[in-house]
PDB file of N, CA and C in Angstrom:
ATOM      1  N   MET A   1       1.019  -1.096  -0.157  1.00  0.00           N
ATOM      2  CA  MET A   1      -0.060   0.192  -0.160  1.00  0.00           C
ATOM      3  C   MET A   1       0.995   1.209  -0.070  1.00  0.00           C
ATOM      4  N   GLU A   2       0.709   2.252  -0.927  1.00  0.00           N
ATOM      5  CA  GLU A   2       1.451   3.383  -1.162  1.00  0.00           C
ATOM      6  C   GLU A   2       1.142   4.411   0.093  1.00  0.00           C
ATOM      7  N   ASP A   3       2.085   5.182   0.355  1.00  0.00           N
ATOM      8  CA  ASP A   3       2.006   6.154   1.551  1.00  0.00           C
ATOM      9  C   ASP A   3       0.554   6.993   1.188  1.00  0.00           C
ATOM     10  N   ARG A   4       0.495   7.631  -0.194  1.00  0.00           N
ATOM     11  CA  ARG A   4      -0.695   8.273  -0.454  1.00  0.00           C
ATOM     12  C   ARG A   4      -1.755   7.516  -0.077  1.00  0.00           C
ATOM     13  N   ASP A   5      -2.121   6.451  -0.406  1.00  0.00           N
ATOM     14  CA  ASP A   5      -3.329   5.573  -0.154  1.00  0.00           C
ATOM     15  C   ASP A   5      -3.421   5.373   1.549  1.00  0.00           C
ATOM     16  N   ARG A   6      -2.519   5.118   2.328  1.00  0.00           N
ATOM     17  CA  ARG A   6      -2.485   5.148   3.628  1.00  0.00           C
ATOM     18  C   ARG A   6      -2.771   6.303   4.301  1.00  0.00           C
ATOM     19  N   GLU A   7      -2.423   7.262   3.582  1.00  0.00           N
ATOM     20  CA  GLU A   7      -2.859   8.712   4.157  1.00  0.00           C
ATOM     21  C   GLU A   7      -4.297   9.061   3.931  1.00  0.00           C
ATOM     22  N   MET A   8      -4.826   8.808   2.746  1.00  0.00           N
ATOM     23  CA  MET A   8      -6.406   8.840   2.246  1.00  0.00           C
ATOM     24  C   MET A   8      -6.821   8.040   3.070  1.00  0.00           C
ATOM     25  N   LEU A   9      -6.669   6.842   3.589  1.00  0.00           N
ATOM     26  CA  LEU A   9      -7.290   5.822   4.196  1.00  0.00           C
ATOM     27  C   LEU A   9      -7.555   6.489   5.679  1.00  0.00           C
ATOM     28  N   LYS A  10      -6.441   6.997   6.264  1.00  0.00           N
ATOM     29  CA  LYS A  10      -6.338   7.527   7.536  1.00  0.00           C
ATOM     30  C   LYS A  10      -7.158   8.863   7.649  1.00  0.00           C
ATOM     31  N   GLN A  11      -7.210   9.677   6.573  1.00  0.00           N
ATOM     32  CA  GLN A  11      -8.076  10.820   6.689  1.00  0.00           C
ATOM     33  C   GLN A  11      -9.327  10.363   6.628  1.00  0.00           C
ATOM     34  N   THR A  12      -9.908   9.567   5.705  1.00  0.00           N
ATOM     35  CA  THR A  12     -11.478   9.025   5.618  1.00  0.00           C
ATOM     36  C   THR A  12     -11.775   8.555   7.015  1.00  0.00           C
ATOM     37  N   LEU A  13     -10.945   7.761   7.760  1.00  0.00           N
ATOM     38  CA  LEU A  13     -11.369   7.067   8.947  1.00  0.00           C
ATOM     39  C   LEU A  13     -11.526   8.247   9.935  1.00  0.00           C
ATOM     40  N   ASP A  14     -10.622   9.061   9.874  1.00  0.00           N
ATOM     41  CA  ASP A  14     -10.733  10.349  10.964  1.00  0.00           C
ATOM     42  C   ASP A  14     -11.825  11.053  10.618  1.00  0.00           C
ATOM     43  N   ALA A  15     -12.168  11.345   9.407  1.00  0.00           N
ATOM     44  CA  ALA A  15     -13.647  11.953   9.098  1.00  0.00           C
ATOM     45  C   ALA A  15     -14.607  11.405   9.575  1.00  0.00           C
ATOM     46  N   LEU A  16     -14.623  10.088   9.244  1.00  0.00           N
ATOM     47  CA  LEU A  16     -15.930   9.232   9.774  1.00  0.00           C
ATOM     48  C   LEU A  16     -15.970   9.155  11.191  1.00  0.00           C
ATOM     49  N   GLU A  17     -14.803   9.168  11.931  1.00  0.00           N
ATOM     50  CA  GLU A  17     -15.078   9.169  13.593  1.00  0.00           C
ATOM     51  C   GLU A  17     -15.658  10.568  13.879  1.00  0.00           C
ATOM     52  N   ARG A  18     -14.998  11.643  13.493  1.00  0.00           N
ATOM     53  CA  ARG A  18     -15.514  12.990  13.619  1.00  0.00           C
ATOM     54  C   ARG A  18     -17.252  13.072  13.515  1.00  0.00           C
ATOM     55  N   LEU A  19     -17.358  12.358  12.235  1.00  0.00           N
ATOM     56  CA  LEU A  19     -18.935  12.606  11.864  1.00  0.00           C
ATOM     57  C   LEU A  19     -19.719  11.831  12.790  1.00  0.00           C
ATOM     58  N   MET A  20     -19.221  10.488  13.172  1.00  0.00           N
ATOM     59  CA  MET A  20     -20.078   9.705  14.099  1.00  0.00           C
ATOM     60  C   MET A  20     -20.114  10.490  15.399  1.00  0.00           C
ATOM     61  N   ARG A  21     -18.981  10.928  15.940  1.00  0.00           N
ATOM     62  CA  ARG A  21     -19.197  11.679  17.284  1.00  0.00           C
ATOM     63  C   ARG A  21     -20.250  12.817  17.297  1.00  0.00           C
ATOM     64  N   MET A  22     -20.107  13.489  16.079  1.00  0.00           N
ATOM     65  CA  MET A  22     -21.049  14.818  15.811  1.00  0.00           C
ATOM     66  C   MET A  22     -22.387  14.046  15.913  1.00  0.00           C
ATOM     67  N   PHE A  23     -22.919  13.195  15.402  1.00  0.00           N
ATOM     68  CA  PHE A  23     -24.158  12.601  15.493  1.00  0.00           C
ATOM     69  C   PHE A  23     -24.457  11.647  16.634  1.00  0.00           C
ATOM     70  N   GLN A  24     -23.793  11.549  17.666  1.00  0.00           N
ATOM     71  CA  GLN A  24     -23.922  10.603  18.783  1.00  0.00           C
ATOM     72  C   GLN A  24     -25.022  11.183  19.499  1.00  0.00           C
ATOM     73  N   ALA A  25     -25.106  12.266  19.667  1.00  0.00           N
ATOM     74  CA  ALA A  25     -26.390  12.700  20.797  1.00  0.00           C
ATOM     75  C   ALA A  25     -27.410  12.560  19.907  1.00  0.00           C
ATOM     76  N   GLU A  26     -27.752  12.767  18.650  1.00  0.00           N
ATOM     77  CA  GLU A  26     -28.798  12.457  17.844  1.00  0.00           C
ATOM     78  C   GLU A  26     -29.194  11.018  17.990  1.00  0.00           C
ATOM     79  N   ARG A  27     -28.174  10.173  17.542  1.00  0.00           N
ATOM     80  CA  ARG A  27     -28.710   8.797  17.847  1.00  0.00           C
ATOM     81  C   ARG A  27     -28.865   8.307  19.088  1.00  0.00           C
ATOM     82  N   ILE A  28     -28.386   8.929  20.085  1.00  0.00           N
ATOM     83  CA  ILE A  28     -28.725   8.328  21.397  1.00  0.00           C
ATOM     84  C   ILE A  28     -30.378   8.854  21.777  1.00  0.00           C
ATOM     85  N   LEU A  29     -30.763   9.998  21.342  1.00  0.00           N
ATOM     86  CA  LEU A  29     -31.942  10.679  21.586  1.00  0.00           C
ATOM     87  C   LEU A  29     -32.827   9.729  20.771  1.00  0.00           C
ATOM     88  N   TYR A  30     -32.575   9.530  19.718  1.00  0.00           N
ATOM     89  CA  TYR A  30     -33.648   8.636  18.731  1.00  0.00           C
ATOM     90  C   TYR A  30     -33.643   7.158  19.424  1.00  0.00           C
ATOM     91  N   LEU A  31     -32.634   6.455  19.874  1.00  0.00           N
ATOM     92  CA  LEU A  31     -32.590   5.121  20.599  1.00  0.00           C
ATOM     93  C   LEU A  31     -33.415   5.372  21.618  1.00  0.00           C
ATOM     94  N   CYS A  32     -33.210   6.560  22.628  1.00  0.00           N
ATOM     95  CA  CYS A  32     -34.261   6.441  23.874  1.00  0.00           C
ATOM     96  C   CYS A  32     -35.517   6.588  23.174  1.00  0.00           C
ATOM     97  N   CYS A  33     -36.143   7.281  22.226  1.00  0.00           N
ATOM     98  CA  CYS A  33     -37.507   7.266  21.717  1.00  0.00           C
ATOM     99  C   CYS A  33     -37.837   5.929  21.166  1.00  0.00           C
ATOM    100  N   VAL A  34     -37.124   5.192  20.568  1.00  0.00           N
ATOM    101  CA  VAL A  34     -37.657   3.857  20.178  1.00  0.00           C
ATOM    102  C   VAL A  34     -37.648   3.079  21.362  1.00  0.00           C
ATOM    103  N   VAL A  35     -36.826   2.946  22.508  1.00  0.00           N
ATOM    104  CA  VAL A  35     -36.968   2.239  23.598  1.00  0.00           C
ATOM    105  C   VAL A  35     -38.536   2.572  24.197  1.00  0.00           C
ATOM    106  N   ALA A  36     -38.830   3.893  24.250  1.00  0.00           N
ATOM    107  CA  ALA A  36     -39.865   4.338  24.923  1.00  0.00           C
ATOM    108  C   ALA A  36     -41.191   3.992  24.110  1.00  0.00           C
ATOM    109  N   ALA A  37     -41.057   3.887  22.648  1.00  0.00           N
ATOM    110  CA  ALA A  37     -42.012   3.687  21.950  1.00  0.00           C
ATOM    111  C   ALA A  37     -42.283   2.169  22.078  1.00  0.00           C
ATOM    112  N   PHE A  38     -41.276   1.355  22.085  1.00  0.00           N
ATOM    113  CA  PHE A  38     -41.356  -0.034  22.344  1.00  0.00           C
ATOM    114  C   PHE A  38     -42.287  -0.451  23.611  1.00  0.00           C
ATOM    115  N   GLY A  39     -41.823   0.251  24.558  1.00  0.00           N
ATOM    116  CA  GLY A  39     -42.580   0.152  26.027  1.00  0.00           C
ATOM    117  C   GLY A  39     -43.804   0.458  25.807  1.00  0.00           C
ATOM    118  N   LEU A  40     -44.228   1.490  25.158  1.00  0.00           N
ATOM    119  CA  LEU A  40     -45.730   1.916  24.860  1.00  0.00           C
ATOM    120  C   LEU A  40     -46.551   0.654  24.053  1.00  0.00           C
ATOM    121  N   LEU A  41     -45.910   0.381  23.069  1.00  0.00           N
ATOM    122  CA  LEU A  41     -46.265  -0.842  22.199  1.00  0.00           C
ATOM    123  C   LEU A  41     -46.706  -2.019  23.461  1.00  0.00           C
ATOM    124  N   MET A  42     -45.796  -2.510  23.994  1.00  0.00           N
ATOM    125  CA  MET A  42     -45.732  -3.660  25.135  1.00  0.00           C
ATOM    126  C   MET A  42     -47.089  -3.192  25.882  1.00  0.00           C
ATOM    127  N   TYR A  43     -47.006  -1.962  26.440  1.00  0.00           N
ATOM    128  CA  TYR A  43     -48.039  -1.810  27.578  1.00  0.00           C
ATOM    129  C   TYR A  43     -49.609  -1.818  26.593  1.00  0.00           C
ATOM    130  N   ALA A  44     -49.537  -1.420  25.412  1.00  0.00           N
ATOM    131  CA  ALA A  44     -50.947  -1.604  24.656  1.00  0.00           C
ATOM    132  C   ALA A  44     -51.341  -2.820  24.435  1.00  0.00           C
ATOM    133  N   GLY A  45     -50.044  -3.766  24.136  1.00  0.00           N
ATOM    134  CA  GLY A  45     -50.501  -5.222  23.987  1.00  0.00           C
ATOM    135  C   GLY A  45     -51.040  -5.758  25.118  1.00  0.00           C
ATOM    136  N   TRP A  46     -50.270  -5.406  26.248  1.00  0.00           N
ATOM    137  CA  TRP A  46     -50.784  -5.685  27.814  1.00  0.00           C
ATOM    138  C   TRP A  46     -52.149  -5.524  27.871  1.00  0.00           C
ATOM    139  N   LEU A  47     -52.456  -4.233  27.760  1.00  0.00           N
ATOM    140  CA  LEU A  47     -53.722  -3.908  27.927  1.00  0.00           C
ATOM    141  C   LEU A  47     -54.763  -4.638  27.279  1.00  0.00           C
ATOM    142  N   MET A  48     -54.661  -4.819  25.996  1.00  0.00           N
ATOM    143  CA  MET A  48     -55.556  -5.502  25.101  1.00  0.00           C
ATOM    144  C   MET A  48     -55.669  -6.920  25.531  1.00  0.00           C
ATOM    145  N   PHE A  49     -54.732  -7.497  25.928  1.00  0.00           N
ATOM    146  CA  PHE A  49     -54.791  -9.042  26.419  1.00  0.00           C
ATOM    147  C   PHE A  49     -55.395  -9.247  27.787  1.00  0.00           C
ATOM    148  N   SER A  50     -55.461  -8.169  28.591  1.00  0.00           N
ATOM    149  CA  SER A  50     -55.587  -8.251  29.881  1.00  0.00           C
ATOM    150  C   SER A  50     -57.153  -7.845  30.112  1.00  0.00           C
ATOM    151  N   ILE A  51     -57.759  -6.971  29.167  1.00  0.00           N
ATOM    152  CA  ILE A  51     -59.055  -6.338  29.301  1.00  0.00           C
ATOM    153  C   ILE A  51     -59.866  -7.522  28.371  1.00  0.00           C
ATOM    154  N   HIS A  52     -59.176  -7.998  27.458  1.00  0.00           N
ATOM    155  CA  HIS A  52     -59.882  -8.691  26.319  1.00  0.00           C
ATOM    156  C   HIS A  52     -60.798  -7.837  25.566  1.00  0.00           C
ATOM    157  N   THR A  53     -60.624  -6.764  25.677  1.00  0.00           N
ATOM    158  CA  THR A  53     -61.216  -5.558  24.136  1.00  0.00           C
ATOM    159  C   THR A  53     -60.066  -4.784  23.917  1.00  0.00           C
ATOM    160  N   VAL A  54     -60.445  -4.118  22.722  1.00  0.00           N
ATOM    161  CA  VAL A  54     -59.778  -3.276  22.073  1.00  0.00           C
ATOM    162  C   VAL A  54     -60.246  -1.943  22.110  1.00  0.00           C
ATOM    163  N   THR A  55     -60.023  -1.000  22.812  1.00  0.00           N
ATOM    164  CA  THR A  55     -60.285   0.558  22.900  1.00  0.00           C
ATOM    165  C   THR A  55     -59.542   1.118  21.972  1.00  0.00           C
ATOM    166  N   PRO A  56     -60.332   2.553  21.653  1.00  0.00           N
ATOM    167  CA  PRO A  56     -59.341   3.418  21.047  1.00  0.00           C
ATOM    168  C   PRO A  56     -58.197   3.746  21.516  1.00  0.00           C
ATOM    169  N   ALA A  57     -58.059   3.811  22.890  1.00  0.00           N
ATOM    170  CA  ALA A  57     -56.969   4.266  23.398  1.00  0.00           C
ATOM    171  C   ALA A  57     -55.813   3.352  23.281  1.00  0.00           C
ATOM    172  N   GLU A  58     -56.018   1.963  23.075  1.00  0.00           N
ATOM    173  CA  GLU A  58     -54.935   1.163  22.879  1.00  0.00           C
ATOM    174  C   GLU A  58     -54.617   1.139  21.354  1.00  0.00           C
ATOM    175  N   ILE A  59     -55.528   1.272  20.568  1.00  0.00           N
ATOM    176  CA  ILE A  59     -55.194   1.530  19.094  1.00  0.00           C
ATOM    177  C   ILE A  59     -54.264   2.783  18.794  1.00  0.00           C
ATOM    178  N   GLY A  60     -54.575   3.796  19.728  1.00  0.00           N
ATOM    179  CA  GLY A  60     -53.791   5.016  19.448  1.00  0.00           C
ATOM    180  C   GLY A  60     -52.519   4.842  20.149  1.00  0.00           C
ATOM    181  N   LEU A  61     -52.244   3.931  21.091  1.00  0.00           N
ATOM    182  CA  LEU A  61     -50.879   3.869  21.634  1.00  0.00           C
ATOM    183  C   LEU A  61     -50.037   3.005  20.534  1.00  0.00           C
ATOM    184  N   MET A  62     -50.671   1.964  19.832  1.00  0.00           N
ATOM    185  CA  MET A  62     -50.104   1.220  19.059  1.00  0.00           C
ATOM    186  C   MET A  62     -49.717   2.076  17.730  1.00  0.00           C
ATOM    187  N   PHE A  63     -50.580   2.756  17.242  1.00  0.00           N
ATOM    188  CA  PHE A  63     -50.074   3.773  16.049  1.00  0.00           C
ATOM    189  C   PHE A  63     -48.942   4.872  16.523  1.00  0.00           C
ATOM    190  N   GLY A  64     -49.282   5.202  17.805  1.00  0.00           N
ATOM    191  CA  GLY A  64     -48.178   6.253  18.211  1.00  0.00           C
ATOM    192  C   GLY A  64     -46.942   5.693  18.305  1.00  0.00           C
ATOM    193  N   ALA A  65     -46.783   4.416  18.917  1.00  0.00           N
ATOM    194  CA  ALA A  65     -45.460   4.026  19.064  1.00  0.00           C
ATOM    195  C   ALA A  65     -44.850   3.383  17.785  1.00  0.00           C
ATOM    196  N   THR A  66     -45.621   2.763  16.857  1.00  0.00           N
ATOM    197  CA  THR A  66     -45.073   2.524  15.331  1.00  0.00           C
ATOM    198  C   THR A  66     -44.633   3.585  14.697  1.00  0.00           C
ATOM    199  N   GLY A  67     -45.501   4.880  14.956  1.00  0.00           N
ATOM    200  CA  GLY A  67     -45.142   6.063  14.320  1.00  0.00           C
ATOM    201  C   GLY A  67     -43.724   6.702  14.903  1.00  0.00           C
ATOM    202  N   VAL A  68     -43.502   6.781  16.333  1.00  0.00           N
ATOM    203  CA  VAL A  68     -42.284   6.965  16.815  1.00  0.00           C
ATOM    204  C   VAL A  68     -41.109   6.245  16.511  1.00  0.00           C
ATOM    205  N   THR A  69     -41.502   5.113  16.387  1.00  0.00           N
ATOM    206  CA  THR A  69     -40.451   3.955  15.852  1.00  0.00           C
ATOM    207  C   THR A  69     -39.885   4.353  14.264  1.00  0.00           C
ATOM    208  N   ALA A  70     -40.941   4.484  13.670  1.00  0.00           N
ATOM    209  CA  ALA A  70     -40.628   4.871  12.104  1.00  0.00           C
ATOM    210  C   ALA A  70     -39.858   6.112  11.964  1.00  0.00           C
ATOM    211  N   VAL A  71     -40.321   7.172  12.552  1.00  0.00           N
ATOM    212  CA  VAL A  71     -39.573   8.601  12.556  1.00  0.00           C
ATOM    213  C   VAL A  71     -38.442   8.485  13.144  1.00  0.00           C
ATOM    214  N   SER A  72     -37.975   7.828  14.211  1.00  0.00           N
ATOM    215  CA  SER A  72     -36.818   7.788  14.863  1.00  0.00           C
ATOM    216  C   SER A  72     -35.659   6.962  14.063  1.00  0.00           C
ATOM    217  N   SER A  73     -36.184   5.756  13.695  1.00  0.00           N
ATOM    218  CA  SER A  73     -35.385   5.155  12.567  1.00  0.00           C
ATOM    219  C   SER A  73     -35.014   5.805  11.372  1.00  0.00           C
ATOM    220  N   GLY A  74     -35.857   6.529  10.973  1.00  0.00           N
ATOM    221  CA  GLY A  74     -35.756   7.289   9.256  1.00  0.00           C
ATOM    222  C   GLY A  74     -34.666   8.339   9.888  1.00  0.00           C
ATOM    223  N   ARG A  75     -34.891   8.895  10.888  1.00  0.00           N
ATOM    224  CA  ARG A  75     -33.933  10.115  11.318  1.00  0.00           C
ATOM    225  C   ARG A  75     -32.382   9.497  11.307  1.00  0.00           C
ATOM    226  N   VAL A  76     -32.367   8.202  12.118  1.00  0.00           N
ATOM    227  CA  VAL A  76     -30.934   7.686  12.373  1.00  0.00           C
ATOM    228  C   VAL A  76     -30.266   7.169  10.737  1.00  0.00           C
ATOM    229  N   ALA A  77     -31.214   6.919  10.050  1.00  0.00           N
ATOM    230  CA  ALA A  77     -30.893   6.399   8.541  1.00  0.00           C
ATOM    231  C   ALA A  77     -30.468   7.621   7.937  1.00  0.00           C
ATOM    232  N   PHE A  78     -31.185   8.739   7.997  1.00  0.00           N
ATOM    233  CA  PHE A  78     -30.968   9.974   7.228  1.00  0.00           C
ATOM    234  C   PHE A  78     -29.462  10.468   7.679  1.00  0.00           C
ATOM    235  N   PHE A  79     -29.124  10.414   9.003  1.00  0.00           N
ATOM    236  CA  PHE A  79     -27.919  10.899   9.582  1.00  0.00           C
ATOM    237  C   PHE A  79     -26.919   9.929   8.845  1.00  0.00           C
ATOM    238  N   LEU A  80     -26.790   8.639   8.909  1.00  0.00           N
ATOM    239  CA  LEU A  80     -25.799   7.789   8.672  1.00  0.00           C
ATOM    240  C   LEU A  80     -25.660   8.009   7.212  1.00  0.00           C
ATOM    241  N   ASN A  81     -26.811   8.227   6.497  1.00  0.00           N
ATOM    242  CA  ASN A  81     -26.766   8.364   4.794  1.00  0.00           C
ATOM    243  C   ASN A  81     -25.890   9.530   4.712  1.00  0.00           C
ATOM    244  N   LYS A  82     -26.146  10.735   5.359  1.00  0.00           N
ATOM    245  CA  LYS A  82     -25.413  11.920   5.148  1.00  0.00           C
ATOM    246  C   LYS A  82     -23.902  11.645   5.339  1.00  0.00           C
ATOM    247  N   ALA A  83     -23.444  11.018   6.478  1.00  0.00           N
ATOM    248  CA  ALA A  83     -22.264  10.818   7.001  1.00  0.00           C
ATOM    249  C   ALA A  83     -21.610   9.831   5.943  1.00  0.00           C
ATOM    250  N   PHE A  84     -22.016   9.023   5.370  1.00  0.00           N
ATOM    251  CA  PHE A  84     -21.378   8.141   4.712  1.00  0.00           C
ATOM    252  C   PHE A  84     -21.290   8.773   3.146  1.00  0.00           C
ATOM    253  N   ASN A  85     -22.189   9.436   2.828  1.00  0.00           N
ATOM    254  CA  ASN A  85     -22.218  10.238   1.603  1.00  0.00           C
ATOM    255  C   ASN A  85     -20.888  11.161   1.586  1.00  0.00           C
ATOM    256  N   LEU A  86     -20.883  11.908   2.837  1.00  0.00           N
ATOM    257  CA  LEU A  86     -19.781  12.931   2.955  1.00  0.00           C
ATOM    258  C   LEU A  86     -18.383  12.202   2.750  1.00  0.00           C
ATOM    259  N   ILE A  87     -18.380  11.068   3.533  1.00  0.00           N
ATOM    260  CA  ILE A  87     -17.087  10.041   3.297  1.00  0.00           C
ATOM    261  C   ILE A  87     -16.996   9.631   1.989  1.00  0.00           C
ATOM    262  N   GLU A  88     -17.992   9.350   1.335  1.00  0.00           N
ATOM    263  CA  GLU A  88     -17.650   8.785  -0.261  1.00  0.00           C
ATOM    264  C   GLU A  88     -16.973  10.105  -1.100  1.00  0.00           C
ATOM    265  N   ASP A  89     -17.292  10.928  -0.615  1.00  0.00           N
ATOM    266  CA  ASP A  89     -17.128  12.293  -1.326  1.00  0.00           C
ATOM    267  C   ASP A  89     -15.633  12.633  -1.175  1.00  0.00           C
ATOM    268  N   ILE A  90     -15.276  12.522   0.356  1.00  0.00           N
ATOM    269  CA  ILE A  90     -14.110  12.782   0.531  1.00  0.00           C
ATOM    270  C   ILE A  90     -12.982  11.590  -0.165  1.00  0.00           C
ATOM    271  N   VAL A  91     -13.590  10.556  -0.234  1.00  0.00           N
ATOM    272  CA  VAL A  91     -12.667   9.333  -1.058  1.00  0.00           C
ATOM    273  C   VAL A  91     -12.581   9.481  -2.304  1.00  0.00           C
ATOM    274  N   ARG A  92     -13.675   9.974  -2.937  1.00  0.00           N
ATOM    275  CA  ARG A  92     -13.383  10.271  -4.384  1.00  0.00           C
ATOM    276  C   ARG A  92     -12.725  11.597  -4.736  1.00  0.00           C
ATOM    277  N   LYS A  93     -12.613  12.705  -3.716  1.00  0.00           N
ATOM    278  CA  LYS A  93     -11.943  13.698  -4.015  1.00  0.00           C
ATOM    279  C   LYS A  93     -10.187  13.432  -3.747  1.00  0.00           C
ATOM    280  N   LEU A  94      -9.991  12.411  -2.767  1.00  0.00           N
ATOM    281  CA  LEU A  94      -8.703  12.380  -2.385  1.00  0.00           C
ATOM    282  C   LEU A  94      -8.095  11.247  -3.541  1.00  0.00           C
ATOM    283  N   SER A  95      -8.909  10.428  -3.925  1.00  0.00           N
ATOM    284  CA  SER A  95      -8.398   9.441  -5.009  1.00  0.00           C
ATOM    285  C   SER A  95      -8.454  10.086  -6.451  1.00  0.00           C
ATOM    286  N   GLY A  96      -9.003  11.185  -6.633  1.00  0.00           N
ATOM    287  CA  GLY A  96      -8.897  11.615  -7.887  1.00  0.00           C
ATOM    288  C   GLY A  96     -10.042  11.366  -8.856  1.00  0.00           C
ATOM    289  N   LEU A  97     -11.333  10.541  -8.210  1.00  0.00           N
ATOM    290  CA  LEU A  97     -12.374  10.136  -9.239  1.00  0.00           C
ATOM    291  C   LEU A  97     -13.328  11.515  -9.251  1.00  0.00           C
ATOM    292  N   GLU A  98     -14.107  11.109 -10.387  1.00  0.00           N
ATOM    293  CA  GLU A  98     -15.203  12.392 -10.333  1.00  0.00           C
ATOM    294  C   GLU A  98     -16.375  12.038  -9.572  1.00  0.00           C
ATOM    295  N   PRO A  99     -16.820  13.403  -8.966  1.00  0.00           N
ATOM    296  CA  PRO A  99     -17.695  13.479  -7.903  1.00  0.00           C
ATOM    297  C   PRO A  99     -19.038  12.657  -8.327  1.00  0.00           C
ATOM    298  N   ARG A 100     -19.732  11.926  -7.392  1.00  0.00           N
ATOM    299  CA  ARG A 100     -20.856  10.891  -7.737  1.00  0.00           C
ATOM    300  C   ARG A 100     -22.005  12.125  -8.418  1.00  0.00           C
ATOM    301  N   HIS A 101     -22.864  11.421  -9.164  1.00  0.00           N
ATOM    302  CA  HIS A 101     -23.959  12.097  -9.760  1.00  0.00           C
ATOM    303  C   HIS A 101     -25.277  11.641  -9.160  1.00  0.00           C
ATOM    304  N   ASP A 102     -25.801  12.196  -8.168  1.00  0.00           N
ATOM    305  CA  ASP A 102     -27.176  11.852  -7.540  1.00  0.00           C
ATOM    306  C   ASP A 102     -28.320  12.111  -8.504  1.00  0.00           C
ATOM    307  N   SER A 103     -29.408  11.294  -8.561  1.00  0.00           N
ATOM    308  CA  SER A 103     -30.435  11.775  -9.342  1.00  0.00           C
ATOM    309  C   SER A 103     -31.520  12.202  -8.698  1.00  0.00           C
TER     310      SER A 103
END
C-alpha cells in the first residue's frame, strides 16, 4: 500500500470518526425514543390482552408507538446516509475520481 493511499485511508477514517461523534447525541436521543415507543407498544398489547377488548386508547398507543419508531429510525438512517455520503465524497476527491452524480 502506498503512502498516499495510507494517508487517504487515515484521513477518511478520521473524518468518519468525527462525523459519528457529531451525530452521537442525535442517535442516543432517537434510541431513547425507540425504547420508549417499544415500551408503549408492549403496554398497549398488555392492556388489550388483560381487558380482552380493544379500545381506541390502545389503538392510539399502537399507532403512536409505531409512528415514533418509524420516525426515529428514519432520522438515524438519514444521518448515517449523510455521513457516509460525505465520506464517499472525501474518498472520491482524495483518489482523483469524479464526484458522484445523484439523481
